[in-house]
């Protein structure tokens, strides 16, 4: 957007460097869209360092996003398997030691839950780029991950952040 016609003299911006903003050209800067879009260039995903500058970097990023989402489903499945095995182990030890073992097991399950929650929120932030290509990559990754790893996990989610 070209703001060269606006008078900013009374706004105290004289000490600010506005280089690269002339003529409305955003150059090689990240776009921050809050509306659905299909942009393929100058898209940043979560971090300014994850900057999409070309169709090739978009393709590699979409593959990475799919792999991240597949990884989330693998983590969910591994956590579920761990919880089942842990429950069996705790029940197999003598009753007087079950409470202490159960507390330790609960701490480990809490750490796994925290990791899943962090992972899910990061995927949510990726999805919230509002970019259609990125949204499709997250959705496809969730599908492939669930089909691959979700044979023993519920399709209804306890933690629906992606």
Protein backbone atom coordinates (compact mmCIF):
# COMPACT_ATOMS: atom_id res chain seq x y z
CA UNK A 1 0.00 0.00 0.00
CA UNK A 2 1.47 3.39 -0.98
CA UNK A 3 1.35 5.85 1.93
CA UNK A 4 3.57 8.50 0.30
CA UNK A 5 0.61 10.90 -0.01
CA UNK A 6 0.01 10.91 3.77
CA UNK A 7 1.52 13.60 6.04
CA UNK A 8 3.36 11.92 8.92
CA UNK A 9 5.34 15.00 9.97
CA UNK A 10 3.57 15.41 13.30
CA UNK A 11 3.87 11.78 14.35
CA UNK A 12 7.48 11.78 15.59
CA UNK A 13 8.78 9.21 13.13
CA UNK A 14 11.86 11.20 12.13
CA UNK A 15 14.30 8.88 13.94
CA UNK A 16 12.90 5.70 12.43
CA UNK A 17 14.48 3.93 9.48
CA UNK A 18 11.79 3.36 6.87
CA UNK A 19 14.14 1.94 4.27
CA UNK A 20 12.59 -0.53 1.87
CA UNK A 21 9.06 0.78 2.39
CA UNK A 22 9.05 3.34 -0.38
CA UNK A 23 6.64 3.01 -3.27
CA UNK A 24 4.65 0.25 -1.61
CA UNK A 25 7.16 -2.49 -2.51
CA UNK A 26 7.52 -4.89 0.41
CA UNK A 27 10.50 -6.58 -1.25
CA UNK A 28 11.67 -9.74 0.50
CA UNK A 29 9.61 -9.33 3.68
CA UNK A 30 7.29 -11.82 5.30
CA UNK A 31 3.60 -11.33 4.62
CA UNK A 32 1.34 -11.66 7.64
CA UNK A 33 -2.10 -12.44 6.29
CA UNK A 34 -5.06 -12.76 8.62
CA UNK A 35 -7.27 -13.81 5.72
CA UNK A 36 -7.34 -17.04 3.77
CA UNK A 37 -4.81 -16.92 0.92
CA UNK A 38 -2.90 -19.03 -1.59
CA UNK A 39 0.36 -16.99 -1.51
CA UNK A 40 3.47 -18.83 -2.64
CA UNK A 41 6.13 -16.19 -2.00
CA UNK A 42 7.18 -14.14 1.03
CA UNK A 43 5.22 -16.42 3.30
CA UNK A 44 6.75 -17.01 6.73
CA UNK A 45 5.75 -20.04 8.72
CA UNK A 46 5.86 -19.47 12.49
CA UNK A 47 9.40 -18.01 12.47
CA UNK A 48 10.92 -15.29 10.28
CA UNK A 49 13.71 -17.75 9.48
CA UNK A 50 11.18 -20.12 7.86
CA UNK A 51 10.66 -17.75 4.94
CA UNK A 52 9.17 -19.06 1.68
CA UNK A 53 10.77 -17.21 -1.22
CA UNK A 54 10.07 -19.53 -4.16
CA UNK A 55 7.87 -22.36 -5.35
CA UNK A 56 10.70 -24.79 -4.57
CA UNK A 57 11.01 -23.64 -0.96
CA UNK A 58 7.20 -23.81 -0.70
CA UNK A 59 7.24 -27.43 -1.90
CA UNK A 60 9.98 -28.43 0.57
CA UNK A 61 8.15 -26.60 3.35
CA UNK A 62 4.88 -28.35 2.57
CA UNK A 63 6.67 -31.71 2.71
CA UNK A 64 8.28 -30.70 6.02
CA UNK A 65 4.87 -29.67 7.40
CA UNK A 66 3.40 -33.01 6.38
CA UNK A 67 6.28 -34.83 8.07
CA UNK A 68 5.84 -32.73 11.23
CA UNK A 69 2.14 -33.57 11.32
CA UNK A 70 2.83 -37.26 10.70
CA UNK A 71 5.33 -37.06 13.57
CA UNK A 72 2.63 -35.68 15.84
CA UNK A 73 0.42 -38.67 15.10
CA UNK A 74 3.39 -40.99 15.74
CA UNK A 75 3.92 -39.28 19.12
CA UNK A 76 0.25 -39.71 19.99
CA UNK A 77 0.39 -43.42 19.14
CA UNK A 78 3.67 -43.95 21.03
CA UNK A 79 2.23 -42.18 24.08
CA UNK A 80 -0.84 -44.38 23.94
CA UNK A 81 1.28 -47.55 23.69
CA UNK A 82 3.53 -46.35 26.52
CA UNK A 83 0.54 -45.64 28.74
CA UNK A 84 -0.91 -49.13 28.12
CA UNK A 85 2.43 -50.84 28.84
CA UNK A 86 2.99 -48.70 31.93
CA UNK A 87 -0.42 -49.55 33.34
CA UNK A 88 0.32 -53.27 32.93
CA UNK A 89 3.74 -52.91 34.61
CA UNK A 90 2.36 -50.96 37.57
CA UNK A 91 -0.39 -53.51 38.08
CA UNK A 92 2.16 -56.34 37.99
CA UNK A 93 4.26 -55.07 40.93
CA UNK A 94 3.37 -55.72 44.59
CA UNK A 95 0.49 -53.63 45.91
CA UNK A 96 2.59 -51.74 48.50
CA UNK A 97 4.88 -50.39 45.72
CA UNK A 98 2.10 -49.57 43.23
CA UNK A 99 1.39 -46.10 44.58
CA UNK A 100 5.01 -44.94 44.31
CA UNK A 101 5.38 -46.51 40.85
CA UNK A 102 2.04 -44.98 39.83
CA UNK A 103 3.22 -41.51 40.87
CA UNK A 104 6.42 -41.85 38.85
CA UNK A 105 4.43 -43.16 35.89
CA UNK A 106 2.04 -40.22 36.18
CA UNK A 107 4.96 -37.76 35.96
CA UNK A 108 6.21 -39.44 32.78
CA UNK A 109 2.71 -39.43 31.29
CA UNK A 110 2.44 -35.74 32.25
CA UNK A 111 5.66 -34.98 30.37
CA UNK A 112 4.37 -36.84 27.30
CA UNK A 113 1.08 -34.94 27.54
CA UNK A 114 2.94 -31.61 27.76
CA UNK A 115 5.04 -32.52 24.72
CA UNK A 116 1.91 -33.46 22.75
CA UNK A 117 0.22 -30.21 23.76
CA UNK A 118 3.24 -28.12 22.71
CA UNK A 119 3.46 -30.03 19.42
CA UNK A 120 -0.28 -29.58 18.76
CA UNK A 121 -0.13 -25.84 19.42
CA UNK A 122 2.86 -25.47 17.10
CA UNK A 123 0.86 -27.25 14.38
CA UNK A 124 -2.05 -24.93 15.11
CA UNK A 125 0.24 -21.92 14.61
CA UNK A 126 1.42 -23.38 11.31
CA UNK A 127 -2.20 -23.87 10.25
CA UNK A 128 -2.98 -20.29 11.26
CA UNK A 129 -0.84 -18.86 8.49
CA UNK A 130 -4.25 -18.99 6.75
CA UNK A 131 -2.45 -20.25 3.67
CA UNK A 132 -4.45 -22.84 1.75
CA UNK A 133 -1.36 -24.84 0.72
CA UNK A 134 -0.16 -25.03 4.32
CA UNK A 135 -3.62 -26.00 5.56
CA UNK A 136 -3.77 -28.83 3.02
CA UNK A 137 -0.28 -30.04 4.07
CA UNK A 138 -1.31 -30.16 7.74
CA UNK A 139 -4.53 -31.99 6.89
CA UNK A 140 -2.81 -34.51 4.59
CA UNK A 141 -0.10 -35.07 7.20
CA UNK A 142 -2.76 -35.72 9.85
CA UNK A 143 -4.48 -38.20 7.52
CA UNK A 144 -1.30 -40.06 6.57
CA UNK A 145 -0.09 -40.03 10.18
CA UNK A 146 -3.35 -41.38 11.53
CA UNK A 147 -3.63 -44.09 8.85
CA UNK A 148 0.00 -45.08 9.51
CA UNK A 149 0.17 -44.84 13.31
CA UNK A 150 -3.39 -44.53 14.57
CA UNK A 151 -4.55 -48.11 14.46
CA UNK A 152 -4.80 -48.19 18.25
CA UNK A 153 -5.58 -44.54 18.96
CA UNK A 154 -8.99 -42.96 18.90
CA UNK A 155 -10.08 -40.94 15.89
CA UNK A 156 -11.81 -38.55 18.31
CA UNK A 157 -9.18 -36.27 19.71
CA UNK A 158 -8.57 -35.43 23.34
CA UNK A 159 -6.30 -32.56 22.32
CA UNK A 160 -7.74 -30.91 19.21
CA UNK A 161 -5.18 -28.25 18.30
CA UNK A 162 -4.45 -29.34 14.74
